[in-house]
Amino acid sequence: MPEPVLRNVFATPVIEAVLDAMPDQIGTLKSTIQERRQTHPGQASRSNILGWHSDSKMIEWAGGPAQQLARSTLETCIGYTHDLGRAKDAGPRFEFGMEMWANVSPAGASNQMHAHPGSFWSAVFYVDDGGDLDEGQLVLLDPRFPTNRVAAPDIAMGEPPDPGQPLSQLLIRPEIGKVVIFPSWLMHAVRPHNGPRDRISIAMNILVRQVA
């Protein structure tokens, strides 16, 4: 009798990558964000609890390194985005845009659970992890929660989760130079860190507009 086959269907895509063009730009991005923080008060609190949140025009005020980050992130997203209604040999029917902002989070700062309506992909790029190797994770909430936990809260289907991983969440530790990309509808948050430095990240929303 053939062995059973487990198929993980209807999965939620989450992309983790180190962008080839970005390691040499991290120092410049860090200094640019720190300078901007000194001269601009930033936005009123959105999802952030404490910390500094810039305006969403970072592509304009951060110059070439931010534009390179935008291009590299868009290229990665496009590689995992498919127009199912596009005719063979026809031109693109959609164009992509982006808004970008910086977050500076001292020890104890966090971001409450939220999503990004009106966008397609969302992403975060880590300029500085704050020096905390244990805390400060990006939290992605299982979109089926709590329905899948109501009847049998300690039972999991399919493959067992990694040790210490909450059954309703995926925890991703910040790493300098890494970008994490996920659907904009996915609820997410950031845990506070206890590192000796500010955690500095760049958030991006990828917008899609039909042109043909």
Protein backbone atom coordinates (compact mmCIF):
# COMPACT_ATOMS: atom_id res chain seq x y z
CA MET A 1 0.00 0.00 0.00
CA PRO A 2 1.49 3.40 -0.94
CA GLU A 3 2.65 5.67 1.87
CA PRO A 4 0.34 8.61 2.69
CA VAL A 5 1.37 11.95 1.21
CA LEU A 6 1.06 15.11 3.31
CA ARG A 7 0.36 18.21 1.18
CA ASN A 8 0.61 21.62 2.81
CA VAL A 9 -2.00 23.44 0.74
CA PHE A 10 -3.22 27.05 1.03
CA ALA A 11 0.00 28.05 2.76
CA THR A 12 0.74 31.66 3.72
CA PRO A 13 3.87 32.84 1.85
CA VAL A 14 6.65 34.34 3.99
CA ILE A 15 9.95 35.22 2.32
CA GLU A 16 13.23 35.64 4.20
CA ALA A 17 16.24 36.81 2.20
CA VAL A 18 19.57 38.60 2.35
CA LEU A 19 19.58 41.07 -0.54
CA ASP A 20 22.87 40.91 -2.47
CA ALA A 21 23.15 44.66 -3.05
CA MET A 22 22.41 45.75 0.52
CA PRO A 23 25.25 44.73 2.91
CA ASP A 24 27.45 47.61 1.72
CA GLN A 25 24.59 50.10 2.21
CA ILE A 26 23.74 49.30 5.83
CA GLY A 27 26.16 51.80 7.38
CA THR A 28 24.89 54.64 5.20
CA LEU A 29 21.26 53.76 5.89
CA LYS A 30 21.93 53.70 9.63
CA SER A 31 23.58 57.13 9.70
CA THR A 32 20.89 58.62 7.43
CA ILE A 33 18.10 57.35 9.69
CA GLN A 34 19.85 58.59 12.83
CA GLU A 35 20.32 62.04 11.29
CA ARG A 36 16.69 62.16 10.18
CA ARG A 37 15.56 61.25 13.68
CA GLN A 38 17.49 64.20 15.11
CA THR A 39 15.87 66.73 12.77
CA HIS A 40 12.32 65.39 12.40
CA PRO A 41 9.92 64.46 15.22
CA GLY A 42 8.45 61.55 13.26
CA GLN A 43 4.87 60.40 12.96
CA ALA A 44 2.39 60.07 15.77
CA SER A 45 2.27 56.55 17.16
CA ARG A 46 0.76 54.02 14.79
CA SER A 47 1.42 50.43 15.73
CA ASN A 48 4.60 51.41 17.56
CA ILE A 49 4.70 51.61 21.34
CA LEU A 50 7.58 53.97 22.18
CA GLY A 51 10.35 54.47 19.67
CA TRP A 52 10.50 56.70 16.58
CA HIS A 53 8.48 56.20 13.37
CA SER A 54 9.48 58.32 10.36
CA ASP A 55 7.17 59.55 7.63
CA SER A 56 6.51 57.18 4.72
CA LYS A 57 8.61 59.16 2.19
CA MET A 58 11.92 57.53 3.04
CA ILE A 59 12.61 56.65 -0.60
CA GLU A 60 12.85 60.39 -1.25
CA TRP A 61 14.85 61.60 1.77
CA ALA A 62 17.23 58.62 2.15
CA GLY A 63 18.55 58.74 -1.42
CA GLY A 64 20.35 56.01 -3.33
CA PRO A 65 20.65 53.32 -0.63
CA ALA A 66 16.90 53.48 0.09
CA GLN A 67 16.12 53.36 -3.62
CA GLN A 68 18.38 50.32 -4.01
CA LEU A 69 16.59 48.63 -1.12
CA ALA A 70 13.24 49.41 -2.76
CA ARG A 71 14.38 47.94 -6.10
CA SER A 72 15.83 44.80 -4.55
CA THR A 73 12.75 44.20 -2.41
CA LEU A 74 10.40 44.78 -5.36
CA GLU A 75 12.39 42.37 -7.53
CA THR A 76 12.12 39.72 -4.82
CA CYS A 77 8.37 40.29 -4.44
CA ILE A 78 7.75 40.20 -8.20
CA GLY A 79 9.46 36.81 -8.35
CA TYR A 80 6.71 35.44 -6.12
CA THR A 81 3.79 37.37 -7.65
CA HIS A 82 1.78 35.94 -10.55
CA ASP A 83 -0.84 37.55 -12.80
CA LEU A 84 -3.10 34.57 -13.46
CA GLY A 85 -5.19 36.47 -16.04
CA ARG A 86 -2.32 37.70 -18.21
CA ALA A 87 -2.46 36.41 -21.78
CA LYS A 88 0.58 34.68 -23.22
CA ASP A 89 3.11 37.16 -24.67
CA ALA A 90 1.01 40.11 -23.43
CA GLY A 91 2.55 43.02 -21.57
CA PRO A 92 2.23 43.54 -17.79
CA ARG A 93 -1.24 44.45 -16.58
CA PHE A 94 -0.11 45.72 -13.18
CA GLU A 95 2.55 48.06 -11.85
CA PHE A 96 4.10 48.11 -8.43
CA GLY A 97 4.72 51.03 -6.11
CA MET A 98 6.16 51.37 -2.64
CA GLU A 99 5.99 53.41 0.52
CA MET A 100 8.88 53.14 2.97
CA TRP A 101 9.56 54.34 6.50
CA ALA A 102 12.13 53.87 9.25
CA ASN A 103 11.62 52.64 12.81
CA VAL A 104 14.06 53.23 15.67
CA SER A 105 13.19 51.18 18.76
CA PRO A 106 15.15 51.51 22.00
CA ALA A 107 15.08 48.71 24.54
CA GLY A 108 11.50 48.14 25.70
CA ALA A 109 9.84 49.48 22.55
CA SER A 110 7.50 47.28 20.53
CA ASN A 111 4.80 47.22 17.86
CA GLN A 112 1.28 46.05 18.61
CA MET A 113 -0.55 43.55 16.39
CA HIS A 114 -1.68 45.12 13.11
CA ALA A 115 -1.96 44.68 9.33
CA HIS A 116 -1.58 46.99 6.31
CA PRO A 117 -4.88 47.39 4.42
CA GLY A 118 -4.55 48.76 0.89
CA SER A 119 -1.19 47.07 0.24
CA PHE A 120 -0.28 43.73 -1.36
CA TRP A 121 3.07 42.72 0.15
CA SER A 122 4.67 44.17 3.29
CA ALA A 123 8.33 43.89 4.25
CA VAL A 124 10.83 44.75 6.96
CA PHE A 125 14.58 45.17 6.49
CA TYR A 126 16.87 45.11 9.51
CA VAL A 127 19.57 47.77 9.70
CA ASP A 128 20.49 47.02 13.34
CA ASP A 129 19.06 44.23 15.50
CA GLY A 130 19.79 46.13 18.71
CA GLY A 131 22.25 43.52 19.96
CA ASP A 132 19.61 41.27 21.56
CA LEU A 133 19.93 37.70 20.27
CA ASP A 134 16.99 36.34 22.25
CA GLU A 135 14.14 38.89 22.17
CA GLY A 136 12.61 41.47 19.85
CA GLN A 137 11.18 38.97 17.36
CA LEU A 138 8.82 39.76 14.53
CA VAL A 139 5.57 37.94 15.32
CA LEU A 140 3.36 36.64 12.48
CA LEU A 141 -0.08 35.48 13.60
CA ASP A 142 -1.62 32.33 12.11
CA PRO A 143 -4.58 33.70 10.07
CA ARG A 144 -6.72 30.74 11.16
CA PHE A 145 -6.33 31.61 14.84
CA PRO A 146 -8.27 31.18 17.11
CA THR A 147 -10.58 28.86 15.15
CA ASN A 148 -7.93 26.16 14.84
CA ARG A 149 -7.18 26.25 18.57
CA VAL A 150 -10.68 26.22 20.07
CA ALA A 151 -11.60 22.51 20.03
CA ALA A 152 -8.21 21.03 20.98
CA PRO A 153 -5.74 23.75 22.02
CA ASP A 154 -2.75 21.42 22.50
CA ILE A 155 -3.12 19.38 19.31
CA ALA A 156 -1.40 20.36 16.04
CA MET A 157 -1.98 18.93 12.56
CA GLY A 158 0.71 18.05 10.05
CA GLU A 159 4.35 18.58 10.96
CA PRO A 160 5.11 19.36 14.63
CA PRO A 161 6.15 22.96 15.32
CA ASP A 162 9.74 23.84 16.19
CA PRO A 163 10.58 23.61 19.91
CA GLY A 164 9.46 26.74 21.73
CA GLN A 165 7.45 28.04 18.76
CA PRO A 166 3.91 29.09 19.74
CA LEU A 167 1.28 27.09 17.86
CA SER A 168 -0.58 30.26 16.81
CA GLN A 169 2.47 32.35 15.84
CA LEU A 170 5.66 32.34 13.81
CA LEU A 171 8.54 34.15 15.52
CA ILE A 172 11.34 35.55 13.35
CA ARG A 173 14.45 36.96 15.04
CA PRO A 174 15.86 40.18 13.54
CA GLU A 175 19.19 39.81 11.76
CA ILE A 176 21.19 42.68 10.31
CA GLY A 177 20.84 42.72 6.52
CA LYS A 178 17.82 40.40 6.34
CA VAL A 179 14.50 41.28 4.74
CA VAL A 180 11.26 39.53 5.68
CA ILE A 181 8.34 39.80 3.23
CA PHE A 182 4.76 38.70 3.88
CA PRO A 183 1.19 39.39 2.68
CA SER A 184 -0.04 42.77 3.88
CA TRP A 185 -3.23 41.22 5.29
CA LEU A 186 -1.24 39.05 7.69
CA MET A 187 -1.50 40.28 11.28
CA HIS A 188 1.93 40.94 12.76
CA ALA A 189 3.63 42.56 15.74
CA VAL A 190 7.12 43.13 17.17
CA ARG A 191 8.16 42.07 20.66
CA PRO A 192 10.28 44.42 22.80
CA HIS A 193 14.01 43.78 22.88
CA ASN A 194 16.54 44.29 25.67
CA GLY A 195 19.65 45.00 23.64
CA PRO A 196 22.30 47.65 24.32
CA ARG A 197 21.56 49.52 21.07
CA ASP A 198 18.51 50.86 19.29
CA ARG A 199 16.87 48.39 16.95
CA ILE A 200 16.66 50.07 13.53
CA SER A 201 14.42 48.69 10.82
CA ILE A 202 12.97 49.85 7.53
CA ALA A 203 9.36 48.93 6.78
CA MET A 204 7.90 48.78 3.28
CA ASN A 205 4.45 48.42 1.79
CA ILE A 206 4.27 47.20 -1.82
CA LEU A 207 1.27 48.58 -3.67
CA VAL A 208 -0.25 47.11 -6.85
CA ARG A 209 -2.18 49.10 -9.45
CA GLN A 210 -3.82 47.75 -12.61
CA VAL A 211 -2.66 49.61 -15.73
CA ALA A 212 -4.05 47.45 -18.56
